[in-house]
């Protein structure tokens, strides 16, 4: 216990110093969070492009040994597509669908689970097309 009249002073942070630290942390967070969200969005888009290329390759593989193109389940069970998560039709916040599968053509769409991200499309030509805010199709602009 401290004796009365001793010269030892308690030291600590003042309220102003604590408010300044909280303000600085808030400013850093306000700058970092939008950049983080954009980076996350770009990563999901890149994964989607890779997934569409994988589906295209799997369709080519499947067609080489079958008389027609296949759906996601057929591509997975045939061994042409080695990604079991993609075979479910959902990966990295995107839902994949093959609305058109025929002996001589196929179309794959990738729709985001979170809006307003990009929509993607690929068909038998192998050209990936994209659209912002609405589903992509064969008339959408190709990716650069």
Protein backbone atom coordinates (compact mmCIF):
# COMPACT_ATOMS: atom_id res chain seq x y z
CA UNK A 1 0.00 0.00 0.00
CA UNK A 2 1.21 3.47 -0.83
CA UNK A 3 1.98 5.83 1.96
CA UNK A 4 0.26 9.23 1.94
CA UNK A 5 2.34 11.95 0.41
CA UNK A 6 4.54 9.63 -1.68
CA UNK A 7 5.74 10.97 -5.03
CA UNK A 8 4.69 7.91 -7.06
CA UNK A 9 1.98 8.83 -9.62
CA UNK A 10 -0.41 6.46 -11.32
CA UNK A 11 0.01 6.54 -15.10
CA UNK A 12 -2.55 5.64 -17.78
CA UNK A 13 -4.28 6.82 -20.90
CA UNK A 14 -6.52 9.82 -20.86
CA UNK A 15 -9.97 9.73 -22.41
CA UNK A 16 -8.78 11.94 -25.29
CA UNK A 17 -5.93 9.54 -26.10
CA UNK A 18 -8.30 6.57 -26.14
CA UNK A 19 -10.74 8.40 -28.41
CA UNK A 20 -7.95 9.24 -30.85
CA UNK A 21 -6.90 5.57 -31.00
CA UNK A 22 -10.50 4.48 -31.60
CA UNK A 23 -10.83 7.13 -34.34
CA UNK A 24 -7.66 5.92 -36.08
CA UNK A 25 -8.85 2.30 -35.94
CA UNK A 26 -12.20 3.38 -37.41
CA UNK A 27 -10.52 5.21 -40.29
CA UNK A 28 -8.30 2.22 -41.09
CA UNK A 29 -11.33 -0.10 -41.01
CA UNK A 30 -13.31 2.24 -43.27
CA UNK A 31 -10.52 2.05 -45.85
CA UNK A 32 -9.71 -1.66 -45.49
CA UNK A 33 -13.18 -3.25 -45.50
CA UNK A 34 -14.28 -2.08 -48.99
CA UNK A 35 -10.91 -3.14 -50.43
CA UNK A 36 -11.29 -6.53 -48.75
CA UNK A 37 -14.78 -6.97 -50.18
CA UNK A 38 -13.60 -6.09 -53.70
CA UNK A 39 -10.70 -8.55 -53.38
CA UNK A 40 -13.09 -11.25 -52.23
CA UNK A 41 -15.42 -10.53 -55.16
CA UNK A 42 -12.50 -10.70 -57.62
CA UNK A 43 -11.40 -14.03 -56.14
CA UNK A 44 -14.90 -15.50 -56.54
CA UNK A 45 -15.03 -14.28 -60.15
CA UNK A 46 -11.62 -15.83 -60.89
CA UNK A 47 -12.74 -19.13 -59.36
CA UNK A 48 -15.87 -19.03 -61.50
CA UNK A 49 -13.84 -18.52 -64.67
CA UNK A 50 -11.65 -21.49 -63.75
CA UNK A 51 -14.74 -23.59 -63.02
CA UNK A 52 -16.29 -22.73 -66.39
CA UNK A 53 -13.06 -23.71 -68.15
CA UNK A 54 -13.06 -26.98 -66.19
CA UNK A 55 -16.66 -27.69 -67.22
CA UNK A 56 -15.79 -26.94 -70.85
CA UNK A 57 -12.84 -29.38 -70.72
CA UNK A 58 -15.01 -31.99 -69.01
CA UNK A 59 -17.68 -31.64 -71.71
CA UNK A 60 -15.02 -32.13 -74.39
CA UNK A 61 -13.74 -35.22 -72.57
CA UNK A 62 -17.25 -36.60 -72.11
CA UNK A 63 -18.23 -36.02 -75.75
CA UNK A 64 -15.12 -37.88 -76.92
CA UNK A 65 -16.44 -41.10 -75.39
CA UNK A 66 -20.22 -40.56 -75.56
CA UNK A 67 -22.61 -39.63 -78.39
CA UNK A 68 -23.64 -36.39 -76.67
CA UNK A 69 -22.65 -33.82 -74.08
CA UNK A 70 -23.45 -34.48 -70.43
CA UNK A 71 -24.89 -32.71 -67.42
CA UNK A 72 -22.84 -31.98 -64.28
CA UNK A 73 -23.68 -35.33 -62.71
CA UNK A 74 -22.70 -37.27 -65.85
CA UNK A 75 -19.45 -35.33 -66.13
CA UNK A 76 -18.58 -36.18 -62.55
CA UNK A 77 -19.49 -39.86 -62.63
CA UNK A 78 -17.68 -40.41 -65.93
CA UNK A 79 -14.43 -39.19 -64.41
CA UNK A 80 -14.11 -36.26 -66.82
CA UNK A 81 -14.61 -33.68 -64.06
CA UNK A 82 -12.65 -34.26 -60.88
CA UNK A 83 -14.25 -31.56 -58.74
CA UNK A 84 -17.04 -33.09 -56.64
CA UNK A 85 -18.09 -29.70 -55.27
CA UNK A 86 -18.60 -28.35 -58.79
CA UNK A 87 -20.63 -31.45 -59.66
CA UNK A 88 -23.23 -30.32 -57.11
CA UNK A 89 -23.79 -27.16 -59.17
CA UNK A 90 -22.60 -24.78 -56.47
CA UNK A 91 -19.12 -23.42 -55.82
CA UNK A 92 -17.65 -20.17 -54.48
CA UNK A 93 -20.95 -18.27 -54.17
CA UNK A 94 -22.01 -19.19 -57.71
CA UNK A 95 -24.67 -21.62 -58.91
CA UNK A 96 -23.90 -23.49 -62.14
CA UNK A 97 -26.62 -24.77 -64.44
CA UNK A 98 -26.66 -26.60 -67.75
CA UNK A 99 -30.09 -25.64 -69.10
CA UNK A 100 -29.21 -26.88 -72.58
CA UNK A 101 -27.54 -30.26 -73.11
CA UNK A 102 -27.98 -31.94 -76.49
CA UNK A 103 -25.93 -34.23 -78.71
CA UNK A 104 -24.29 -31.32 -80.50
CA UNK A 105 -24.38 -28.42 -78.00
CA UNK A 106 -24.37 -27.38 -74.37
CA UNK A 107 -24.72 -24.12 -72.45
CA UNK A 108 -23.52 -23.45 -68.92
CA UNK A 109 -24.60 -20.47 -66.85
CA UNK A 110 -23.04 -19.26 -63.61
CA UNK A 111 -25.32 -17.09 -61.50
CA UNK A 112 -24.07 -15.33 -58.35
CA UNK A 113 -25.68 -16.12 -55.02
CA UNK A 114 -24.94 -12.57 -53.87
CA UNK A 115 -26.03 -9.62 -56.00
CA UNK A 116 -24.87 -7.46 -57.76
CA UNK A 117 -22.02 -9.65 -58.94
CA UNK A 118 -21.29 -10.74 -62.50
CA UNK A 119 -23.11 -13.48 -64.39
CA UNK A 120 -21.19 -15.83 -66.69
CA UNK A 121 -21.98 -18.07 -69.65
CA UNK A 122 -20.06 -20.60 -71.76
CA UNK A 123 -21.19 -22.85 -74.56
CA UNK A 124 -19.73 -25.28 -77.07
CA UNK A 125 -17.62 -22.49 -78.62
CA UNK A 126 -15.55 -22.21 -75.42
CA UNK A 127 -15.98 -18.43 -75.24
CA UNK A 128 -16.81 -17.21 -71.76
CA UNK A 129 -19.28 -14.36 -71.78
CA UNK A 130 -20.28 -12.08 -68.94
CA UNK A 131 -22.99 -9.67 -67.96
CA UNK A 132 -23.36 -7.34 -64.98
CA UNK A 133 -26.68 -7.37 -63.17
CA UNK A 134 -28.52 -9.83 -65.43
CA UNK A 135 -27.95 -13.42 -66.60
CA UNK A 136 -25.39 -13.80 -69.36
CA UNK A 137 -26.17 -15.60 -72.60
CA UNK A 138 -24.72 -16.20 -76.07
CA UNK A 139 -25.27 -12.54 -76.99
CA UNK A 140 -23.41 -11.16 -73.95
CA UNK A 141 -19.95 -9.64 -74.47
CA UNK A 142 -16.97 -12.00 -74.12
CA UNK A 143 -14.51 -11.52 -71.29
CA UNK A 144 -11.34 -9.65 -72.11
